[in-house]
C-alpha atoms as a PDB file:
ATOM      1  CA  MET A   1      93.115 101.920  63.735  1.00  0.00           C
ATOM      2  CA  ALA A   2      92.632 105.086  65.796  1.00  0.00           C
ATOM      3  CA  GLY A   3      93.184 105.526  69.508  1.00  0.00           C
ATOM      4  CA  TYR A   4      95.993 105.593  72.057  1.00  0.00           C
ATOM      5  CA  ILE A   5      98.441 103.308  73.824  1.00  0.00           C
ATOM      6  CA  LYS A   6     100.293 103.961  77.067  1.00  0.00           C
ATOM      7  CA  LEU A   7     104.079 104.124  77.058  1.00  0.00           C
ATOM      8  CA  PHE A   8     106.015 104.380  80.296  1.00  0.00           C
ATOM      9  CA  ARG A   9     108.618 107.154  80.228  1.00  0.00           C
ATOM     10  CA  GLY A  10     111.991 105.469  79.784  1.00  0.00           C
ATOM     11  CA  TRP A  11     110.510 102.454  77.986  1.00  0.00           C
ATOM     12  CA  ASP A  12     113.458 102.444  75.560  1.00  0.00           C
ATOM     13  CA  GLU A  13     116.122 102.319  78.264  1.00  0.00           C
ATOM     14  CA  ALA A  14     115.958  98.555  78.805  1.00  0.00           C
ATOM     15  CA  CYS A  15     119.332  96.825  78.648  1.00  0.00           C
ATOM     16  CA  VAL A  16     118.453  95.016  75.410  1.00  0.00           C
ATOM     17  CA  PHE A  17     118.360  98.417  73.626  1.00  0.00           C
ATOM     18  CA  LYS A  18     121.501  99.785  75.293  1.00  0.00           C
ATOM     19  CA  ASP A  19     123.852  99.759  72.295  1.00  0.00           C
ATOM     20  CA  GLU A  20     121.242 100.181  69.574  1.00  0.00           C
ATOM     21  CA  PRO A  21     120.914 103.592  67.872  1.00  0.00           C
ATOM     22  CA  ARG A  22     117.379 104.910  67.674  1.00  0.00           C
ATOM     23  CA  SER A  23     115.434 104.787  64.451  1.00  0.00           C
ATOM     24  CA  GLU A  24     113.913 108.011  63.155  1.00  0.00           C
ATOM     25  CA  ARG A  25     110.488 106.918  64.395  1.00  0.00           C
ATOM     26  CA  GLU A  26     111.942 106.333  67.855  1.00  0.00           C
ATOM     27  CA  ALA A  27     113.725 109.698  67.753  1.00  0.00           C
ATOM     28  CA  TRP A  28     110.405 111.405  66.970  1.00  0.00           C
ATOM     29  CA  LEU A  29     108.717 109.539  69.818  1.00  0.00           C
ATOM     30  CA  TRP A  30     111.562 110.618  72.129  1.00  0.00           C
ATOM     31  CA  LEU A  31     110.879 114.277  71.307  1.00  0.00           C
ATOM     32  CA  ILE A  32     107.183 113.892  72.146  1.00  0.00           C
ATOM     33  CA  GLU A  33     107.994 111.932  75.302  1.00  0.00           C
ATOM     34  CA  ASN A  34     110.481 114.506  76.617  1.00  0.00           C
ATOM     35  CA  ALA A  35     108.604 117.685  75.693  1.00  0.00           C
ATOM     36  CA  ALA A  36     107.221 119.649  78.635  1.00  0.00           C
ATOM     37  CA  TRP A  37     103.724 118.494  79.585  1.00  0.00           C
ATOM     38  CA  LYS A  38     103.118 121.804  81.362  1.00  0.00           C
ATOM     39  CA  SER A  39     104.679 125.266  81.162  1.00  0.00           C
ATOM     40  CA  GLY A  40     107.778 125.856  83.247  1.00  0.00           C
ATOM     41  CA  THR A  41     111.448 126.763  83.082  1.00  0.00           C
ATOM     42  CA  ARG A  42     114.658 124.920  82.273  1.00  0.00           C
ATOM     43  CA  LEU A  43     118.168 125.709  83.468  1.00  0.00           C
ATOM     44  CA  VAL A  44     120.639 125.498  80.578  1.00  0.00           C
ATOM     45  CA  GLY A  45     124.267 126.401  80.147  1.00  0.00           C
ATOM     46  CA  LYS A  46     125.795 128.225  83.112  1.00  0.00           C
ATOM     47  CA  GLY A  47     122.703 129.279  84.992  1.00  0.00           C
ATOM     48  CA  THR A  48     120.602 130.556  82.077  1.00  0.00           C
ATOM     49  CA  VAL A  49     116.867 130.062  82.586  1.00  0.00           C
ATOM     50  CA  VAL A  50     114.729 129.261  79.541  1.00  0.00           C
ATOM     51  CA  ASN A  51     110.925 129.439  79.549  1.00  0.00           C
ATOM     52  CA  VAL A  52     109.378 126.287  78.136  1.00  0.00           C
ATOM     53  CA  ALA A  53     105.684 126.031  77.267  1.00  0.00           C
ATOM     54  CA  ARG A  54     103.599 122.868  77.084  1.00  0.00           C
ATOM     55  CA  GLY A  55     104.704 120.868  74.046  1.00  0.00           C
ATOM     56  CA  GLN A  56     108.174 122.435  73.910  1.00  0.00           C
ATOM     57  CA  ILE A  57     111.624 121.003  74.570  1.00  0.00           C
ATOM     58  CA  HIS A  58     114.975 122.760  74.802  1.00  0.00           C
ATOM     59  CA  LEU A  59     117.764 120.707  73.291  1.00  0.00           C
ATOM     60  CA  ALA A  60     121.251 120.740  71.796  1.00  0.00           C
ATOM     61  CA  GLU A  61     122.378 118.706  68.786  1.00  0.00           C
ATOM     62  CA  ARG A  62     125.298 117.189  70.675  1.00  0.00           C
ATOM     63  CA  THR A  63     122.933 115.972  73.393  1.00  0.00           C
ATOM     64  CA  LEU A  64     120.556 114.368  70.897  1.00  0.00           C
ATOM     65  CA  ALA A  65     123.509 112.799  69.075  1.00  0.00           C
ATOM     66  CA  ARG A  66     124.595 111.114  72.316  1.00  0.00           C
ATOM     67  CA  ILE A  67     121.109 109.975  73.325  1.00  0.00           C
ATOM     68  CA  TRP A  68     120.036 108.772  69.889  1.00  0.00           C
ATOM     69  CA  GLY A  69     123.380 107.211  68.961  1.00  0.00           C
ATOM     70  CA  TRP A  70     123.744 109.386  65.833  1.00  0.00           C
ATOM     71  CA  ASP A  71     126.316 111.882  64.611  1.00  0.00           C
ATOM     72  CA  ARG A  72     125.453 115.578  64.823  1.00  0.00           C
ATOM     73  CA  LYS A  73     125.022 115.980  61.068  1.00  0.00           C
ATOM     74  CA  ARG A  74     122.315 113.336  61.040  1.00  0.00           C
ATOM     75  CA  VAL A  75     120.580 115.024  63.971  1.00  0.00           C
ATOM     76  CA  ALA A  76     120.640 118.373  62.143  1.00  0.00           C
ATOM     77  CA  ARG A  77     119.219 116.811  58.958  1.00  0.00           C
ATOM     78  CA  PHE A  78     116.458 115.058  60.878  1.00  0.00           C
ATOM     79  CA  ILE A  79     115.442 118.216  62.769  1.00  0.00           C
ATOM     80  CA  LYS A  80     115.349 120.109  59.457  1.00  0.00           C
ATOM     81  CA  ARG A  81     113.155 117.447  57.851  1.00  0.00           C
ATOM     82  CA  LEU A  82     110.727 117.580  60.773  1.00  0.00           C
ATOM     83  CA  GLU A  83     110.574 121.352  60.365  1.00  0.00           C
ATOM     84  CA  ASN A  84     109.969 121.081  56.607  1.00  0.00           C
ATOM     85  CA  ALA A  85     107.188 118.579  57.276  1.00  0.00           C
ATOM     86  CA  GLN A  86     105.643 121.063  59.752  1.00  0.00           C
ATOM     87  CA  MET A  87     105.957 118.548  62.581  1.00  0.00           C
ATOM     88  CA  ILE A  88     108.052 120.907  64.703  1.00  0.00           C
ATOM     89  CA  THR A  89     108.889 124.601  64.884  1.00  0.00           C
ATOM     90  CA  PRO A  90     112.493 125.184  66.034  1.00  0.00           C
ATOM     91  CA  HIS A  91     113.924 128.429  67.385  1.00  0.00           C
ATOM     92  CA  THR A  92     117.713 128.269  67.554  1.00  0.00           C
ATOM     93  CA  GLY A  93     119.684 130.325  70.062  1.00  0.00           C
ATOM     94  CA  PRO A  94     123.258 130.424  71.388  1.00  0.00           C
ATOM     95  CA  LEU A  95     122.601 127.741  74.030  1.00  0.00           C
ATOM     96  CA  GLY A  96     120.600 125.332  71.904  1.00  0.00           C
ATOM     97  CA  THR A  97     117.260 125.030  70.175  1.00  0.00           C
ATOM     98  CA  LEU A  98     113.776 125.493  71.611  1.00  0.00           C
ATOM     99  CA  VAL A  99     111.553 123.090  69.690  1.00  0.00           C
ATOM    100  CA  THR A 100     107.764 123.277  69.634  1.00  0.00           C
ATOM    101  CA  ILE A 101     106.018 119.992  68.816  1.00  0.00           C
ATOM    102  CA  CYS A 102     103.210 120.777  66.392  1.00  0.00           C
ATOM    103  CA  ASN A 103      99.894 119.159  67.376  1.00  0.00           C
ATOM    104  CA  TYR A 104     101.372 118.130  70.743  1.00  0.00           C
ATOM    105  CA  ASP A 105      97.934 117.992  72.354  1.00  0.00           C
ATOM    106  CA  LYS A 106      96.807 115.542  69.700  1.00  0.00           C
ATOM    107  CA  PHE A 107      99.641 113.161  70.563  1.00  0.00           C
ATOM    108  CA  GLN A 108      99.128 113.578  74.303  1.00  0.00           C
ATOM    109  CA  GLY A 109      95.393 113.011  74.439  1.00  0.00           C
ATOM    110  CA  GLU A 110      93.715 116.204  73.285  1.00  0.00           C
ATOM    111  CA  GLY A 111      91.143 115.823  70.533  1.00  0.00           C
ATOM    112  CA  ALA A 112      90.570 112.097  70.947  1.00  0.00           C
ATOM    113  CA  THR A 113      87.777 110.685  68.831  1.00  0.00           C
ATOM    114  CA  ASN A 114      85.257 107.872  69.280  1.00  0.00           C
ATOM    115  CA  GLY A 115      85.798 107.841  73.024  1.00  0.00           C
ATOM    116  CA  ALA A 116      89.371 106.574  72.677  1.00  0.00           C
ATOM    117  CA  THR A 117      90.753 108.552  75.598  1.00  0.00           C
ATOM    118  CA  LYS A 118      87.832 107.821  77.862  1.00  0.00           C
ATOM    119  CA  GLY A 119      87.893 104.134  77.104  1.00  0.00           C
ATOM    120  CA  ALA A 120      91.623 103.830  77.608  1.00  0.00           C
ATOM    121  CA  THR A 121      91.608 105.567  80.968  1.00  0.00           C
ATOM    122  CA  ASN A 122      88.425 104.180  82.543  1.00  0.00           C
ATOM    123  CA  GLY A 123      86.575 107.471  82.492  1.00  0.00           C
ATOM    124  CA  ALA A 124      89.480 109.836  83.122  1.00  0.00           C
ATOM    125  CA  THR A 125      89.006 113.434  82.005  1.00  0.00           C
ATOM    126  CA  LYS A 126      89.102 113.689  78.230  1.00  0.00           C
ATOM    127  CA  GLY A 127      92.302 115.249  76.939  1.00  0.00           C
ATOM    128  CA  ALA A 128      94.325 114.797  80.129  1.00  0.00           C
ATOM    129  CA  THR A 129      97.866 113.456  79.804  1.00  0.00           C
ATOM    130  CA  GLN A 130      99.136 110.612  81.967  1.00  0.00           C
ATOM    131  CA  GLU A 131     101.103 113.000  84.174  1.00  0.00           C
ATOM    132  CA  GLU A 132      98.116 115.300  84.629  1.00  0.00           C
ATOM    133  CA  ARG A 133      95.904 112.363  85.585  1.00  0.00           C
ATOM    134  CA  GLU A 134      98.456 111.190  88.143  1.00  0.00           C
ATOM    135  CA  GLU A 135      98.726 114.694  89.595  1.00  0.00           C
ATOM    136  CA  GLY A 136      94.971 115.060  89.796  1.00  0.00           C
ATOM    137  CA  LYS A 137      94.278 111.752  91.517  1.00  0.00           C
ATOM    138  CA  LYS A 138      93.484 111.949  95.217  1.00  0.00           C
ATOM    139  CA  GLY A 139      93.698 108.233  95.933  1.00  0.00           C
ATOM    140  CA  ASN A 140      95.941 106.767  98.575  1.00  0.00           C
ATOM    141  CA  LYS A 141      97.791 104.316  96.364  1.00  0.00           C
ATOM    142  CA  LYS A 142     101.525 104.527  96.920  1.00  0.00           C
ATOM    143  CA  THR A 143     102.301 104.145  93.199  1.00  0.00           C
ATOM    144  CA  ASN A 144     100.238 107.207  92.314  1.00  0.00           C
ATOM    145  CA  LYS A 145     101.971 109.299  94.984  1.00  0.00           C
ATOM    146  CA  GLU A 146     105.368 108.140  93.752  1.00  0.00           C
ATOM    147  CA  ASN A 147     104.605 109.029  90.118  1.00  0.00           C
ATOM    148  CA  PHE A 148     103.506 112.513  91.137  1.00  0.00           C
ATOM    149  CA  ASP A 149     106.634 112.975  93.257  1.00  0.00           C
ATOM    150  CA  LEU A 150     108.917 111.969  90.390  1.00  0.00           C
ATOM    151  CA  SER A 151     107.247 114.272  87.883  1.00  0.00           C
ATOM    152  CA  ALA A 152     107.751 117.142  90.308  1.00  0.00           C
ATOM    153  CA  TRP A 153     111.424 116.243  90.696  1.00  0.00           C
ATOM    154  CA  SER A 154     111.999 115.987  86.939  1.00  0.00           C
ATOM    155  CA  GLU A 155     110.752 119.551  86.512  1.00  0.00           C
ATOM    156  CA  ARG A 156     113.739 120.738  88.551  1.00  0.00           C
ATOM    157  CA  LEU A 157     116.305 119.477  86.026  1.00  0.00           C
ATOM    158  CA  PRO A 158     116.949 120.156  82.328  1.00  0.00           C
ATOM    159  CA  SER A 159     115.212 117.451  80.300  1.00  0.00           C
ATOM    160  CA  ASP A 160     118.479 116.091  78.874  1.00  0.00           C
ATOM    161  CA  LEU A 161     120.034 115.828  82.354  1.00  0.00           C
ATOM    162  CA  TRP A 162     116.948 114.044  83.726  1.00  0.00           C
ATOM    163  CA  GLY A 163     117.108 111.634  80.773  1.00  0.00           C
ATOM    164  CA  ASP A 164     120.797 110.912  81.416  1.00  0.00           C
ATOM    165  CA  PHE A 165     120.081 110.364  85.116  1.00  0.00           C
ATOM    166  CA  LYS A 166     117.286 107.884  84.340  1.00  0.00           C
ATOM    167  CA  LYS A 167     119.568 105.933  82.007  1.00  0.00           C
ATOM    168  CA  HIS A 168     122.355 105.923  84.576  1.00  0.00           C
ATOM    169  CA  ARG A 169     120.121 104.606  87.354  1.00  0.00           C
ATOM    170  CA  ALA A 170     118.670 101.979  85.019  1.00  0.00           C
ATOM    171  CA  ALA A 171     122.178 100.797  84.136  1.00  0.00           C
ATOM    172  CA  LYS A 172     122.919 100.526  87.873  1.00  0.00           C
ATOM    173  CA  ARG A 173     119.646  98.626  88.377  1.00  0.00           C
ATOM    174  CA  ALA A 174     118.614 101.277  90.888  1.00  0.00           C
ATOM    175  CA  PRO A 175     115.051 102.533  90.306  1.00  0.00           C
ATOM    176  CA  ILE A 176     114.525 106.269  90.748  1.00  0.00           C
ATOM    177  CA  THR A 177     112.340 106.913  93.781  1.00  0.00           C
ATOM    178  CA  ALA A 178     111.340 110.022  95.687  1.00  0.00           C
ATOM    179  CA  THR A 179     113.255 108.619  98.667  1.00  0.00           C
ATOM    180  CA  ALA A 180     116.463 108.352  96.633  1.00  0.00           C
ATOM    181  CA  LEU A 181     116.065 111.866  95.246  1.00  0.00           C
ATOM    182  CA  LYS A 182     115.422 113.339  98.686  1.00  0.00           C
ATOM    183  CA  GLY A 183     118.571 111.618  99.898  1.00  0.00           C
ATOM    184  CA  ILE A 184     120.613 113.153  97.079  1.00  0.00           C
ATOM    185  CA  GLU A 185     119.163 116.587  97.810  1.00  0.00           C
ATOM    186  CA  ARG A 186     119.915 116.232 101.518  1.00  0.00           C
ATOM    187  CA  GLU A 187     123.534 115.249 100.867  1.00  0.00           C
ATOM    188  CA  ALA A 188     123.908 118.031  98.274  1.00  0.00           C
ATOM    189  CA  ALA A 189     122.821 120.560 100.912  1.00  0.00           C
ATOM    190  CA  LYS A 190     125.429 119.151 103.320  1.00  0.00           C
ATOM    191  CA  ALA A 191     128.080 119.598 100.615  1.00  0.00           C
ATOM    192  CA  GLY A 192     126.916 123.163  99.955  1.00  0.00           C
ATOM    193  CA  ILE A 193     125.936 122.585  96.333  1.00  0.00           C
ATOM    194  CA  SER A 194     122.678 122.527  94.371  1.00  0.00           C
ATOM    195  CA  PHE A 195     120.632 119.416  93.672  1.00  0.00           C
ATOM    196  CA  GLU A 196     121.351 119.779  89.936  1.00  0.00           C
ATOM    197  CA  ARG A 197     125.093 120.041  90.580  1.00  0.00           C
ATOM    198  CA  ALA A 198     124.963 116.868  92.679  1.00  0.00           C
ATOM    199  CA  ILE A 199     123.251 115.005  89.845  1.00  0.00           C
ATOM    200  CA  ARG A 200     125.893 116.191  87.368  1.00  0.00           C
ATOM    201  CA  ILE A 201     128.717 115.119  89.678  1.00  0.00           C
ATOM    202  CA  LEU A 202     127.322 111.639  90.297  1.00  0.00           C
ATOM    203  CA  LEU A 203     126.896 111.139  86.543  1.00  0.00           C
ATOM    204  CA  GLU A 204     130.441 112.309  85.842  1.00  0.00           C
ATOM    205  CA  ARG A 205     131.893 109.982  88.499  1.00  0.00           C
ATOM    206  CA  GLY A 206     129.653 107.005  87.887  1.00  0.00           C
ATOM    207  CA  TRP A 207     128.092 106.988  91.356  1.00  0.00           C
ATOM    208  CA  THR A 208     124.671 105.523  91.950  1.00  0.00           C
ATOM    209  CA  GLY A 209     123.882 108.154  94.572  1.00  0.00           C
ATOM    210  CA  PHE A 210     125.605 111.102  96.191  1.00  0.00           C
ATOM    211  CA  LYS A 211     127.327 111.572  99.536  1.00  0.00           C
ATOM    212  CA  ALA A 212     128.615 114.872 100.895  1.00  0.00           C
ATOM    213  CA  GLU A 213     131.831 113.259 102.125  1.00  0.00           C
ATOM    214  CA  TRP A 214     132.563 111.923  98.657  1.00  0.00           C
ATOM    215  CA  HIS A 215     132.293 115.403  97.220  1.00  0.00           C
ATOM    216  CA  ASN A 216     134.374 116.875 100.038  1.00  0.00           C
ATOM    217  CA  GLY A 217     137.421 114.795  99.212  1.00  0.00           C
ATOM    218  CA  GLU A 218     137.130 111.394 100.824  1.00  0.00           C
ATOM    219  CA  GLY A 219     135.998 109.752  97.608  1.00  0.00           C
ATOM    220  CA  ALA A 220     133.539 106.947  97.074  1.00  0.00           C
ATOM    221  CA  LYS A 221     135.037 103.839  98.646  1.00  0.00           C
ATOM    222  CA  ARG A 222     132.023 101.777  97.687  1.00  0.00           C
ATOM    223  CA  SER A 223     128.948 102.088  95.519  1.00  0.00           C
ATOM    224  CA  PHE A 224     126.260 104.026  97.361  1.00  0.00           C
ATOM    225  CA  ARG A 225     122.720 102.966  96.630  1.00  0.00           C
ATOM    226  CA  GLN A 226     119.776 104.953  97.921  1.00  0.00           C
ATOM    227  CA  ARG A 227     117.018 102.847  99.401  1.00  0.00           C
END
């Protein structure tokens, strides 16, 4: 049966899957899900900027091992098998691997046949991804505005860091909203650090949000939840 289904980003972060390692099919879907849907840059290592084209993802084996629940040897074998099957094209460097998903546009809506894309999206532009449709909509619905805001925020962080942040907020039962992210950015500015650094600190310390006074030495006396 040909066609498409919609999957919300982060669908596999529900609590019932928390301690379950990913299958190889789920690992492949994760790569497609987290690849860049438009060209941009990623900050990796200590301030190194990497150019990432549509359908590419910059990753490190240790990061995938943690996310997928595998050991690094299994990750390396799986990446090699995908390369041998011509499903990906990896380019390894000192700070990780830049992976190109072969036929990415096919998986994300390009080249749909028999009207599958049009039928699934009620007449949306053929070949457009979900993110592109959300960005292009001019409606006044709050949910559409929120989805666009979040996609813009995610572009500011490395894909693995954004994934870790989503999991962390889900575990805290605190949905990620543009309001919460703006609050973190505002407090990061007060503390004199970058937005990305604030996200890394809150993950390291198990905070739901970020407060400048916590970073400046007073500590988190209670869980801070952005609303």
